[in-house]
Amino acid sequence: MMRVSDLPWKTKWYVFLVFPLGAGGLSYVLRAFLEVGWPDVGTALAMTIGFFIGSSSIAFMKPDWLTRHTQPQTRKQKTIKNVLVVLMIVFIAFILIRFFVILLN
């Protein structure tokens, strides 16, 4: 059974600091794009605290999920990954276009 102390230093840094701050900031900006205006700062703090709690919980309960098990991807997995990336890009482009259309009108 793996413990949090067994995780590499870079993984701990990413899980406990980089991911929660980055995800909190990006979710705040995404919410601003969806609402076409900046939400209050309390919302940003609440979202960031939620990401801190979520990533810390995963690290403490299931640290073995955070280690990378490298296996070559199958052709089907690569195709699914590419389709999901394209769908995310289209979604983000749609949100940005919607934001600017509403903002400029």
PDB file of N, CA and C in Angstrom:
ATOM      1  N   MET A   1       0.850  -1.188   0.000  1.00  0.00           N
ATOM      2  CA  MET A   1       0.000   0.000   0.000  1.00  0.00           C
ATOM      3  C   MET A   1       0.888   1.242   0.000  1.00  0.00           C
ATOM      4  N   MET A   2       0.557   2.166  -0.840  1.00  0.00           N
ATOM      5  CA  MET A   2       1.356   3.370  -0.994  1.00  0.00           C
ATOM      6  C   MET A   2       0.859   4.462  -0.048  1.00  0.00           C
ATOM      7  N   ARG A   3       1.801   5.281   0.430  1.00  0.00           N
ATOM      8  CA  ARG A   3       1.449   6.421   1.275  1.00  0.00           C
ATOM      9  C   ARG A   3       1.807   7.706   0.548  1.00  0.00           C
ATOM     10  N   VAL A   4       1.281   8.824   1.088  1.00  0.00           N
ATOM     11  CA  VAL A   4       1.565  10.119   0.478  1.00  0.00           C
ATOM     12  C   VAL A   4       3.064  10.411   0.540  1.00  0.00           C
ATOM     13  N   SER A   5       3.716   9.997   1.593  1.00  0.00           N
ATOM     14  CA  SER A   5       5.151  10.267   1.724  1.00  0.00           C
ATOM     15  C   SER A   5       5.968   9.511   0.674  1.00  0.00           C
ATOM     16  N   ASP A   6       5.392   8.472   0.060  1.00  0.00           N
ATOM     17  CA  ASP A   6       6.095   7.710  -0.971  1.00  0.00           C
ATOM     18  C   ASP A   6       6.042   8.384  -2.341  1.00  0.00           C
ATOM     19  N   LEU A   7       5.196   9.397  -2.488  1.00  0.00           N
ATOM     20  CA  LEU A   7       5.078  10.074  -3.776  1.00  0.00           C
ATOM     21  C   LEU A   7       6.322  10.906  -4.057  1.00  0.00           C
ATOM     22  N   PRO A   8       6.696  11.033  -5.324  1.00  0.00           N
ATOM     23  CA  PRO A   8       7.831  11.895  -5.661  1.00  0.00           C
ATOM     24  C   PRO A   8       7.534  13.358  -5.334  1.00  0.00           C
ATOM     25  N   TRP A   9       8.597  14.130  -5.135  1.00  0.00           N
ATOM     26  CA  TRP A   9       8.459  15.534  -4.741  1.00  0.00           C
ATOM     27  C   TRP A   9       7.685  16.330  -5.786  1.00  0.00           C
ATOM     28  N   LYS A  10       7.952  16.094  -7.067  1.00  0.00           N
ATOM     29  CA  LYS A  10       7.260  16.828  -8.133  1.00  0.00           C
ATOM     30  C   LYS A  10       5.764  16.525  -8.130  1.00  0.00           C
ATOM     31  N   THR A  11       5.400  15.301  -7.854  1.00  0.00           N
ATOM     32  CA  THR A  11       3.979  14.939  -7.817  1.00  0.00           C
ATOM     33  C   THR A  11       3.288  15.627  -6.649  1.00  0.00           C
ATOM     34  N   LYS A  12       3.932  15.660  -5.500  1.00  0.00           N
ATOM     35  CA  LYS A  12       3.342  16.360  -4.348  1.00  0.00           C
ATOM     36  C   LYS A  12       3.169  17.840  -4.658  1.00  0.00           C
ATOM     37  N   TRP A  13       4.166  18.459  -5.259  1.00  0.00           N
ATOM     38  CA  TRP A  13       4.109  19.870  -5.618  1.00  0.00           C
ATOM     39  C   TRP A  13       2.932  20.134  -6.555  1.00  0.00           C
ATOM     40  N   TYR A  14       2.782  19.261  -7.546  1.00  0.00           N
ATOM     41  CA  TYR A  14       1.708  19.429  -8.516  1.00  0.00           C
ATOM     42  C   TYR A  14       0.334  19.231  -7.862  1.00  0.00           C
ATOM     43  N   VAL A  15       0.178  18.176  -7.070  1.00  0.00           N
ATOM     44  CA  VAL A  15      -1.132  17.838  -6.503  1.00  0.00           C
ATOM     45  C   VAL A  15      -1.566  18.831  -5.434  1.00  0.00           C
ATOM     46  N   PHE A  16      -0.642  19.271  -4.599  1.00  0.00           N
ATOM     47  CA  PHE A  16      -1.030  20.109  -3.468  1.00  0.00           C
ATOM     48  C   PHE A  16      -0.979  21.606  -3.750  1.00  0.00           C
ATOM     49  N   LEU A  17      -0.339  22.051  -4.842  1.00  0.00           N
ATOM     50  CA  LEU A  17      -0.258  23.485  -5.083  1.00  0.00           C
ATOM     51  C   LEU A  17      -0.595  23.882  -6.520  1.00  0.00           C
ATOM     52  N   VAL A  18       0.096  23.311  -7.482  1.00  0.00           N
ATOM     53  CA  VAL A  18      -0.032  23.768  -8.871  1.00  0.00           C
ATOM     54  C   VAL A  18      -1.421  23.474  -9.431  1.00  0.00           C
ATOM     55  N   PHE A  19      -1.904  22.241  -9.293  1.00  0.00           N
ATOM     56  CA  PHE A  19      -3.210  21.898  -9.852  1.00  0.00           C
ATOM     57  C   PHE A  19      -4.349  22.699  -9.227  1.00  0.00           C
ATOM     58  N   PRO A  20      -4.451  22.795  -7.889  1.00  0.00           N
ATOM     59  CA  PRO A  20      -5.578  23.558  -7.338  1.00  0.00           C
ATOM     60  C   PRO A  20      -5.577  25.030  -7.738  1.00  0.00           C
ATOM     61  N   LEU A  21      -4.405  25.667  -7.747  1.00  0.00           N
ATOM     62  CA  LEU A  21      -4.355  27.082  -8.127  1.00  0.00           C
ATOM     63  C   LEU A  21      -4.669  27.272  -9.612  1.00  0.00           C
ATOM     64  N   GLY A  22      -4.105  26.434 -10.436  1.00  0.00           N
ATOM     65  CA  GLY A  22      -4.365  26.536 -11.873  1.00  0.00           C
ATOM     66  C   GLY A  22      -5.811  26.232 -12.226  1.00  0.00           C
ATOM     67  N   ALA A  23      -6.359  25.169 -11.653  1.00  0.00           N
ATOM     68  CA  ALA A  23      -7.748  24.816 -11.945  1.00  0.00           C
ATOM     69  C   ALA A  23      -8.705  25.862 -11.393  1.00  0.00           C
ATOM     70  N   GLY A  24      -8.406  26.420 -10.218  1.00  0.00           N
ATOM     71  CA  GLY A  24      -9.248  27.478  -9.664  1.00  0.00           C
ATOM     72  C   GLY A  24      -9.262  28.712 -10.533  1.00  0.00           C
ATOM     73  N   GLY A  25      -8.084  29.112 -11.008  1.00  0.00           N
ATOM     74  CA  GLY A  25      -7.997  30.280 -11.886  1.00  0.00           C
ATOM     75  C   GLY A  25      -8.699  30.060 -13.213  1.00  0.00           C
ATOM     76  N   LEU A  26      -8.479  28.893 -13.812  1.00  0.00           N
ATOM     77  CA  LEU A  26      -9.124  28.603 -15.088  1.00  0.00           C
ATOM     78  C   LEU A  26     -10.641  28.484 -14.950  1.00  0.00           C
ATOM     79  N   SER A  27     -11.112  27.901 -13.859  1.00  0.00           N
ATOM     80  CA  SER A  27     -12.562  27.790 -13.674  1.00  0.00           C
ATOM     81  C   SER A  27     -13.188  29.164 -13.451  1.00  0.00           C
ATOM     82  N   TYR A  28     -12.462  30.060 -12.796  1.00  0.00           N
ATOM     83  CA  TYR A  28     -12.967  31.427 -12.594  1.00  0.00           C
ATOM     84  C   TYR A  28     -13.080  32.155 -13.932  1.00  0.00           C
ATOM     85  N   VAL A  29     -12.068  32.016 -14.780  1.00  0.00           N
ATOM     86  CA  VAL A  29     -12.091  32.660 -16.098  1.00  0.00           C
ATOM     87  C   VAL A  29     -13.180  32.038 -16.971  1.00  0.00           C
ATOM     88  N   LEU A  30     -13.327  30.718 -16.935  1.00  0.00           N
ATOM     89  CA  LEU A  30     -14.371  30.059 -17.709  1.00  0.00           C
ATOM     90  C   LEU A  30     -15.748  30.520 -17.253  1.00  0.00           C
ATOM     91  N   ARG A  31     -15.935  30.651 -15.951  1.00  0.00           N
ATOM     92  CA  ARG A  31     -17.222  31.134 -15.447  1.00  0.00           C
ATOM     93  C   ARG A  31     -17.464  32.578 -15.887  1.00  0.00           C
ATOM     94  N   ALA A  32     -16.420  33.380 -15.923  1.00  0.00           N
ATOM     95  CA  ALA A  32     -16.564  34.760 -16.406  1.00  0.00           C
ATOM     96  C   ALA A  32     -16.976  34.774 -17.870  1.00  0.00           C
ATOM     97  N   PHE A  33     -16.398  33.880 -18.683  1.00  0.00           N
ATOM     98  CA  PHE A  33     -16.792  33.805 -20.085  1.00  0.00           C
ATOM     99  C   PHE A  33     -18.244  33.356 -20.233  1.00  0.00           C
ATOM    100  N   LEU A  34     -18.660  32.389 -19.410  1.00  0.00           N
ATOM    101  CA  LEU A  34     -20.033  31.900 -19.509  1.00  0.00           C
ATOM    102  C   LEU A  34     -21.043  32.941 -19.045  1.00  0.00           C
ATOM    103  N   GLU A  35     -20.707  33.717 -18.023  1.00  0.00           N
ATOM    104  CA  GLU A  35     -21.632  34.718 -17.498  1.00  0.00           C
ATOM    105  C   GLU A  35     -21.494  36.065 -18.184  1.00  0.00           C
ATOM    106  N   VAL A  36     -20.487  36.243 -19.021  1.00  0.00           N
ATOM    107  CA  VAL A  36     -20.173  37.494 -19.700  1.00  0.00           C
ATOM    108  C   VAL A  36     -20.047  38.619 -18.672  1.00  0.00           C
ATOM    109  N   GLY A  37     -19.220  38.404 -17.714  1.00  0.00           N
ATOM    110  CA  GLY A  37     -18.923  39.382 -16.670  1.00  0.00           C
ATOM    111  C   GLY A  37     -18.129  38.680 -15.581  1.00  0.00           C
ATOM    112  N   TRP A  38     -17.423  39.457 -14.795  1.00  0.00           N
ATOM    113  CA  TRP A  38     -16.579  38.851 -13.775  1.00  0.00           C
ATOM    114  C   TRP A  38     -17.386  38.556 -12.519  1.00  0.00           C
ATOM    115  N   PRO A  39     -17.399  37.295 -12.059  1.00  0.00           N
ATOM    116  CA  PRO A  39     -18.060  36.981 -10.791  1.00  0.00           C
ATOM    117  C   PRO A  39     -17.277  37.584  -9.629  1.00  0.00           C
ATOM    118  N   ASP A  40     -17.866  37.588  -8.451  1.00  0.00           N
ATOM    119  CA  ASP A  40     -17.171  38.161  -7.299  1.00  0.00           C
ATOM    120  C   ASP A  40     -15.974  37.298  -6.901  1.00  0.00           C
ATOM    121  N   VAL A  41     -15.085  37.891  -6.139  1.00  0.00           N
ATOM    122  CA  VAL A  41     -13.835  37.219  -5.759  1.00  0.00           C
ATOM    123  C   VAL A  41     -14.107  36.046  -4.819  1.00  0.00           C
ATOM    124  N   GLY A  42     -15.172  36.129  -4.042  1.00  0.00           N
ATOM    125  CA  GLY A  42     -15.528  35.023  -3.153  1.00  0.00           C
ATOM    126  C   GLY A  42     -15.777  33.735  -3.919  1.00  0.00           C
ATOM    127  N   THR A  43     -16.334  33.866  -5.103  1.00  0.00           N
ATOM    128  CA  THR A  43     -16.563  32.691  -5.946  1.00  0.00           C
ATOM    129  C   THR A  43     -15.239  32.062  -6.360  1.00  0.00           C
ATOM    130  N   ALA A  44     -14.277  32.882  -6.710  1.00  0.00           N
ATOM    131  CA  ALA A  44     -12.964  32.360  -7.101  1.00  0.00           C
ATOM    132  C   ALA A  44     -12.302  31.642  -5.929  1.00  0.00           C
ATOM    133  N   LEU A  45     -12.396  32.223  -4.744  1.00  0.00           N
ATOM    134  CA  LEU A  45     -11.813  31.577  -3.565  1.00  0.00           C
ATOM    135  C   LEU A  45     -12.512  30.256  -3.265  1.00  0.00           C
ATOM    136  N   ALA A  46     -13.828  30.238  -3.385  1.00  0.00           N
ATOM    137  CA  ALA A  46     -14.573  29.003  -3.104  1.00  0.00           C
ATOM    138  C   ALA A  46     -14.205  27.896  -4.086  1.00  0.00           C
ATOM    139  N   MET A  47     -14.092  28.238  -5.364  1.00  0.00           N
ATOM    140  CA  MET A  47     -13.720  27.228  -6.358  1.00  0.00           C
ATOM    141  C   MET A  47     -12.296  26.718  -6.114  1.00  0.00           C
ATOM    142  N   THR A  48     -11.384  27.619  -5.788  1.00  0.00           N
ATOM    143  CA  THR A  48     -10.002  27.213  -5.546  1.00  0.00           C
ATOM    144  C   THR A  48      -9.897  26.334  -4.303  1.00  0.00           C
ATOM    145  N   ILE A  49     -10.612  26.700  -3.243  1.00  0.00           N
ATOM    146  CA  ILE A  49     -10.615  25.876  -2.027  1.00  0.00           C
ATOM    147  C   ILE A  49     -11.181  24.498  -2.326  1.00  0.00           C
ATOM    148  N   GLY A  50     -12.217  24.441  -3.163  1.00  0.00           N
ATOM    149  CA  GLY A  50     -12.778  23.147  -3.557  1.00  0.00           C
ATOM    150  C   GLY A  50     -11.764  22.286  -4.290  1.00  0.00           C
ATOM    151  N   PHE A  51     -10.972  22.903  -5.172  1.00  0.00           N
ATOM    152  CA  PHE A  51      -9.944  22.128  -5.868  1.00  0.00           C
ATOM    153  C   PHE A  51      -8.842  21.676  -4.913  1.00  0.00           C
ATOM    154  N   PHE A  52      -8.487  22.513  -3.926  1.00  0.00           N
ATOM    155  CA  PHE A  52      -7.520  22.095  -2.914  1.00  0.00           C
ATOM    156  C   PHE A  52      -8.039  20.878  -2.152  1.00  0.00           C
ATOM    157  N   ILE A  53      -9.299  20.933  -1.732  1.00  0.00           N
ATOM    158  CA  ILE A  53      -9.885  19.825  -0.974  1.00  0.00           C
ATOM    159  C   ILE A  53      -9.942  18.564  -1.830  1.00  0.00           C
ATOM    160  N   GLY A  54     -10.363  18.710  -3.083  1.00  0.00           N
ATOM    161  CA  GLY A  54     -10.487  17.542  -3.957  1.00  0.00           C
ATOM    162  C   GLY A  54      -9.158  16.872  -4.247  1.00  0.00           C
ATOM    163  N   SER A  55      -8.157  17.650  -4.620  1.00  0.00           N
ATOM    164  CA  SER A  55      -6.869  17.042  -4.953  1.00  0.00           C
ATOM    165  C   SER A  55      -6.175  16.482  -3.719  1.00  0.00           C
ATOM    166  N   SER A  56      -6.329  17.153  -2.587  1.00  0.00           N
ATOM    167  CA  SER A  56      -5.733  16.640  -1.350  1.00  0.00           C
ATOM    168  C   SER A  56      -6.409  15.348  -0.922  1.00  0.00           C
ATOM    169  N   SER A  57      -7.722  15.278  -1.090  1.00  0.00           N
ATOM    170  CA  SER A  57      -8.446  14.059  -0.713  1.00  0.00           C
ATOM    171  C   SER A  57      -7.981  12.872  -1.540  1.00  0.00           C
ATOM    172  N   ILE A  58      -7.832  13.083  -2.838  1.00  0.00           N
ATOM    173  CA  ILE A  58      -7.358  11.992  -3.692  1.00  0.00           C
ATOM    174  C   ILE A  58      -5.943  11.583  -3.288  1.00  0.00           C
ATOM    175  N   ALA A  59      -5.101  12.560  -2.985  1.00  0.00           N
ATOM    176  CA  ALA A  59      -3.716  12.252  -2.621  1.00  0.00           C
ATOM    177  C   ALA A  59      -3.645  11.462  -1.321  1.00  0.00           C
ATOM    178  N   PHE A  60      -4.500  11.783  -0.366  1.00  0.00           N
ATOM    179  CA  PHE A  60      -4.441  11.084   0.913  1.00  0.00           C
ATOM    180  C   PHE A  60      -5.149   9.733   0.877  1.00  0.00           C
ATOM    181  N   MET A  61      -6.247   9.633   0.121  1.00  0.00           N
ATOM    182  CA  MET A  61      -6.994   8.374   0.110  1.00  0.00           C
ATOM    183  C   MET A  61      -6.450   7.369  -0.894  1.00  0.00           C
ATOM    184  N   LYS A  62      -6.085   7.828  -2.077  1.00  0.00           N
ATOM    185  CA  LYS A  62      -5.616   6.927  -3.135  1.00  0.00           C
ATOM    186  C   LYS A  62      -4.331   7.455  -3.770  1.00  0.00           C
ATOM    187  N   PRO A  63      -3.209   7.487  -3.053  1.00  0.00           N
ATOM    188  CA  PRO A  63      -1.976   8.031  -3.643  1.00  0.00           C
ATOM    189  C   PRO A  63      -1.455   7.205  -4.811  1.00  0.00           C
ATOM    190  N   ASP A  64      -1.824   5.933  -4.882  1.00  0.00           N
ATOM    191  CA  ASP A  64      -1.352   5.123  -6.002  1.00  0.00           C
ATOM    192  C   ASP A  64      -1.995   5.543  -7.320  1.00  0.00           C
ATOM    193  N   TRP A  65      -3.104   6.264  -7.286  1.00  0.00           N
ATOM    194  CA  TRP A  65      -3.712   6.781  -8.512  1.00  0.00           C
ATOM    195  C   TRP A  65      -2.858   7.879  -9.129  1.00  0.00           C
ATOM    196  N   LEU A  66      -2.008   8.501  -8.344  1.00  0.00           N
ATOM    197  CA  LEU A  66      -1.224   9.635  -8.812  1.00  0.00           C
ATOM    198  C   LEU A  66       0.088   9.231  -9.467  1.00  0.00           C
ATOM    199  N   THR A  67       0.467   7.994  -9.339  1.00  0.00           N
ATOM    200  CA  THR A  67       1.692   7.541  -9.986  1.00  0.00           C
ATOM    201  C   THR A  67       1.373   7.135 -11.413  1.00  0.00           C
ATOM    202  N   ARG A  68       2.287   7.397 -12.301  1.00  0.00           N
ATOM    203  CA  ARG A  68       2.046   7.110 -13.717  1.00  0.00           C
ATOM    204  C   ARG A  68       2.474   5.683 -14.044  1.00  0.00           C
ATOM    205  N   HIS A  69       1.543   4.958 -14.606  1.00  0.00           N
ATOM    206  CA  HIS A  69       1.836   3.622 -15.096  1.00  0.00           C
ATOM    207  C   HIS A  69       1.879   3.717 -16.614  1.00  0.00           C
ATOM    208  N   THR A  70       3.065   3.729 -17.156  1.00  0.00           N
ATOM    209  CA  THR A  70       3.191   3.958 -18.594  1.00  0.00           C
ATOM    210  C   THR A  70       2.952   2.665 -19.350  1.00  0.00           C
ATOM    211  N   GLN A  71       1.947   2.694 -20.175  1.00  0.00           N
ATOM    212  CA  GLN A  71       1.651   1.601 -21.091  1.00  0.00           C
ATOM    213  C   GLN A  71       1.387   2.225 -22.442  1.00  0.00           C
ATOM    214  N   PRO A  72       1.797   1.590 -23.488  1.00  0.00           N
ATOM    215  CA  PRO A  72       1.526   2.163 -24.807  1.00  0.00           C
ATOM    216  C   PRO A  72       0.021   2.204 -25.082  1.00  0.00           C
ATOM    217  N   GLN A  73      -0.407   3.306 -25.700  1.00  0.00           N
ATOM    218  CA  GLN A  73      -1.824   3.442 -26.011  1.00  0.00           C
ATOM    219  C   GLN A  73      -2.179   2.603 -27.233  1.00  0.00           C
ATOM    220  N   THR A  74      -3.382   2.049 -27.185  1.00  0.00           N
ATOM    221  CA  THR A  74      -3.860   1.319 -28.351  1.00  0.00           C
ATOM    222  C   THR A  74      -4.363   2.320 -29.390  1.00  0.00           C
ATOM    223  N   ARG A  75      -4.626   1.837 -30.561  1.00  0.00           N
ATOM    224  CA  ARG A  75      -5.112   2.706 -31.637  1.00  0.00           C
ATOM    225  C   ARG A  75      -6.474   3.303 -31.269  1.00  0.00           C
ATOM    226  N   LYS A  76      -7.318   2.505 -30.638  1.00  0.00           N
ATOM    227  CA  LYS A  76      -8.642   2.971 -30.229  1.00  0.00           C
ATOM    228  C   LYS A  76      -8.517   4.086 -29.180  1.00  0.00           C
ATOM    229  N   GLN A  77      -7.612   3.925 -28.224  1.00  0.00           N
ATOM    230  CA  GLN A  77      -7.414   4.944 -27.202  1.00  0.00           C
ATOM    231  C   GLN A  77      -6.899   6.245 -27.805  1.00  0.00           C
ATOM    232  N   LYS A  78      -5.996   6.156 -28.776  1.00  0.00           N
ATOM    233  CA  LYS A  78      -5.486   7.350 -29.435  1.00  0.00           C
ATOM    234  C   LYS A  78      -6.594   8.069 -30.195  1.00  0.00           C
ATOM    235  N   THR A  79      -7.451   7.294 -30.867  1.00  0.00           N
ATOM    236  CA  THR A  79      -8.554   7.891 -31.611  1.00  0.00           C
ATOM    237  C   THR A  79      -9.525   8.599 -30.663  1.00  0.00           C
ATOM    238  N   ILE A  80      -9.856   7.960 -29.559  1.00  0.00           N
ATOM    239  CA  ILE A  80     -10.770   8.560 -28.575  1.00  0.00           C
ATOM    240  C   ILE A  80     -10.149   9.819 -27.989  1.00  0.00           C
ATOM    241  N   LYS A  81      -8.861   9.776 -27.683  1.00  0.00           N
ATOM    242  CA  LYS A  81      -8.171  10.946 -27.148  1.00  0.00           C
ATOM    243  C   LYS A  81      -8.214  12.105 -28.136  1.00  0.00           C
ATOM    244  N   ASN A  82      -7.955  11.835 -29.405  1.00  0.00           N
ATOM    245  CA  ASN A  82      -7.980  12.883 -30.423  1.00  0.00           C
ATOM    246  C   ASN A  82      -9.369  13.475 -30.588  1.00  0.00           C
ATOM    247  N   VAL A  83     -10.391  12.632 -30.563  1.00  0.00           N
ATOM    248  CA  VAL A  83     -11.772  13.121 -30.693  1.00  0.00           C
ATOM    249  C   VAL A  83     -12.128  14.008 -29.499  1.00  0.00           C
ATOM    250  N   LEU A  84     -11.744  13.611 -28.297  1.00  0.00           N
ATOM    251  CA  LEU A  84     -12.046  14.410 -27.112  1.00  0.00           C
ATOM    252  C   LEU A  84     -11.312  15.750 -27.134  1.00  0.00           C
ATOM    253  N   VAL A  85     -10.080  15.746 -27.597  1.00  0.00           N
ATOM    254  CA  VAL A  85      -9.326  17.005 -27.693  1.00  0.00           C
ATOM    255  C   VAL A  85      -9.991  17.951 -28.685  1.00  0.00           C
ATOM    256  N   VAL A  86     -10.412  17.430 -29.820  1.00  0.00           N
ATOM    257  CA  VAL A  86     -11.087  18.265 -30.817  1.00  0.00           C
ATOM    258  C   VAL A  86     -12.402  18.805 -30.263  1.00  0.00           C
ATOM    259  N   LEU A  87     -13.170  17.975 -29.562  1.00  0.00           N
ATOM    260  CA  LEU A  87     -14.423  18.428 -28.971  1.00  0.00           C
ATOM    261  C   LEU A  87     -14.200  19.517 -27.917  1.00  0.00           C
ATOM    262  N   MET A  88     -13.147  19.384 -27.120  1.00  0.00           N
ATOM    263  CA  MET A  88     -12.852  20.416 -26.119  1.00  0.00           C
ATOM    264  C   MET A  88     -12.449  21.722 -26.791  1.00  0.00           C
ATOM    265  N   ILE A  89     -11.667  21.643 -27.853  1.00  0.00           N
ATOM    266  CA  ILE A  89     -11.265  22.859 -28.574  1.00  0.00           C
ATOM    267  C   ILE A  89     -12.484  23.543 -29.186  1.00  0.00           C
ATOM    268  N   VAL A  90     -13.389  22.760 -29.766  1.00  0.00           N
ATOM    269  CA  VAL A  90     -14.608  23.324 -30.350  1.00  0.00           C
ATOM    270  C   VAL A  90     -15.462  23.967 -29.264  1.00  0.00           C
ATOM    271  N   PHE A  91     -15.572  23.323 -28.106  1.00  0.00           N
ATOM    272  CA  PHE A  91     -16.357  23.868 -26.999  1.00  0.00           C
ATOM    273  C   PHE A  91     -15.777  25.194 -26.512  1.00  0.00           C
ATOM    274  N   ILE A  92     -14.472  25.241 -26.338  1.00  0.00           N
ATOM    275  CA  ILE A  92     -13.826  26.475 -25.877  1.00  0.00           C
ATOM    276  C   ILE A  92     -13.964  27.577 -26.923  1.00  0.00           C
ATOM    277  N   ALA A  93     -13.820  27.220 -28.197  1.00  0.00           N
ATOM    278  CA  ALA A  93     -14.004  28.215 -29.255  1.00  0.00           C
ATOM    279  C   ALA A  93     -15.435  28.742 -29.258  1.00  0.00           C
ATOM    280  N   PHE A  94     -16.412  27.860 -29.057  1.00  0.00           N
ATOM    281  CA  PHE A  94     -17.812  28.286 -29.001  1.00  0.00           C
ATOM    282  C   PHE A  94     -18.042  29.252 -27.844  1.00  0.00           C
ATOM    283  N   ILE A  95     -17.478  28.946 -26.686  1.00  0.00           N
ATOM    284  CA  ILE A  95     -17.649  29.829 -25.523  1.00  0.00           C
ATOM    285  C   ILE A  95     -16.994  31.184 -25.781  1.00  0.00           C
ATOM    286  N   LEU A  96     -15.801  31.197 -26.350  1.00  0.00           N
ATOM    287  CA  LEU A  96     -15.127  32.465 -26.638  1.00  0.00           C
ATOM    288  C   LEU A  96     -15.891  33.300 -27.662  1.00  0.00           C
ATOM    289  N   ILE A  97     -16.367  32.654 -28.720  1.00  0.00           N
ATOM    290  CA  ILE A  97     -17.137  33.381 -29.728  1.00  0.00           C
ATOM    291  C   ILE A  97     -18.418  33.937 -29.111  1.00  0.00           C
ATOM    292  N   ARG A  98     -19.097  33.133 -28.326  1.00  0.00           N
ATOM    293  CA  ARG A  98     -20.325  33.588 -27.653  1.00  0.00           C
ATOM    294  C   ARG A  98     -20.021  34.770 -26.735  1.00  0.00           C
ATOM    295  N   PHE A  99     -18.926  34.680 -25.990  1.00  0.00           N
ATOM    296  CA  PHE A  99     -18.546  35.754 -25.076  1.00  0.00           C
ATOM    297  C   PHE A  99     -18.338  37.067 -25.831  1.00  0.00           C
ATOM    298  N   PHE A 100     -17.580  37.020 -26.910  1.00  0.00           N
ATOM    299  CA  PHE A 100     -17.289  38.247 -27.648  1.00  0.00           C
ATOM    300  C   PHE A 100     -18.501  38.784 -28.401  1.00  0.00           C
ATOM    301  N   VAL A 101     -19.373  37.909 -28.890  1.00  0.00           N
ATOM    302  CA  VAL A 101     -20.590  38.367 -29.566  1.00  0.00           C
ATOM    303  C   VAL A 101     -21.500  39.090 -28.580  1.00  0.00           C
ATOM    304  N   ILE A 102     -21.686  38.510 -27.406  1.00  0.00           N
ATOM    305  CA  ILE A 102     -22.535  39.152 -26.397  1.00  0.00           C
ATOM    306  C   ILE A 102     -21.880  40.424 -25.870  1.00  0.00           C
ATOM    307  N   LEU A 103     -20.582  40.399 -25.700  1.00  0.00           N
ATOM    308  CA  LEU A 103     -19.870  41.564 -25.164  1.00  0.00           C
ATOM    309  C   LEU A 103     -19.918  42.749 -26.133  1.00  0.00           C
ATOM    310  N   LEU A 104     -19.796  42.480 -27.433  1.00  0.00           N
ATOM    311  CA  LEU A 104     -19.746  43.555 -28.418  1.00  0.00           C
ATOM    312  C   LEU A 104     -21.126  44.086 -28.821  1.00  0.00           C
ATOM    313  N   ASN A 105     -22.180  43.381 -28.503  1.00  0.00           N
ATOM    314  CA  ASN A 105     -23.528  43.859 -28.829  1.00  0.00           C
ATOM    315  C   ASN A 105     -24.060  44.796 -27.804  1.00  0.00           C
TER     316      ASN A 105
END
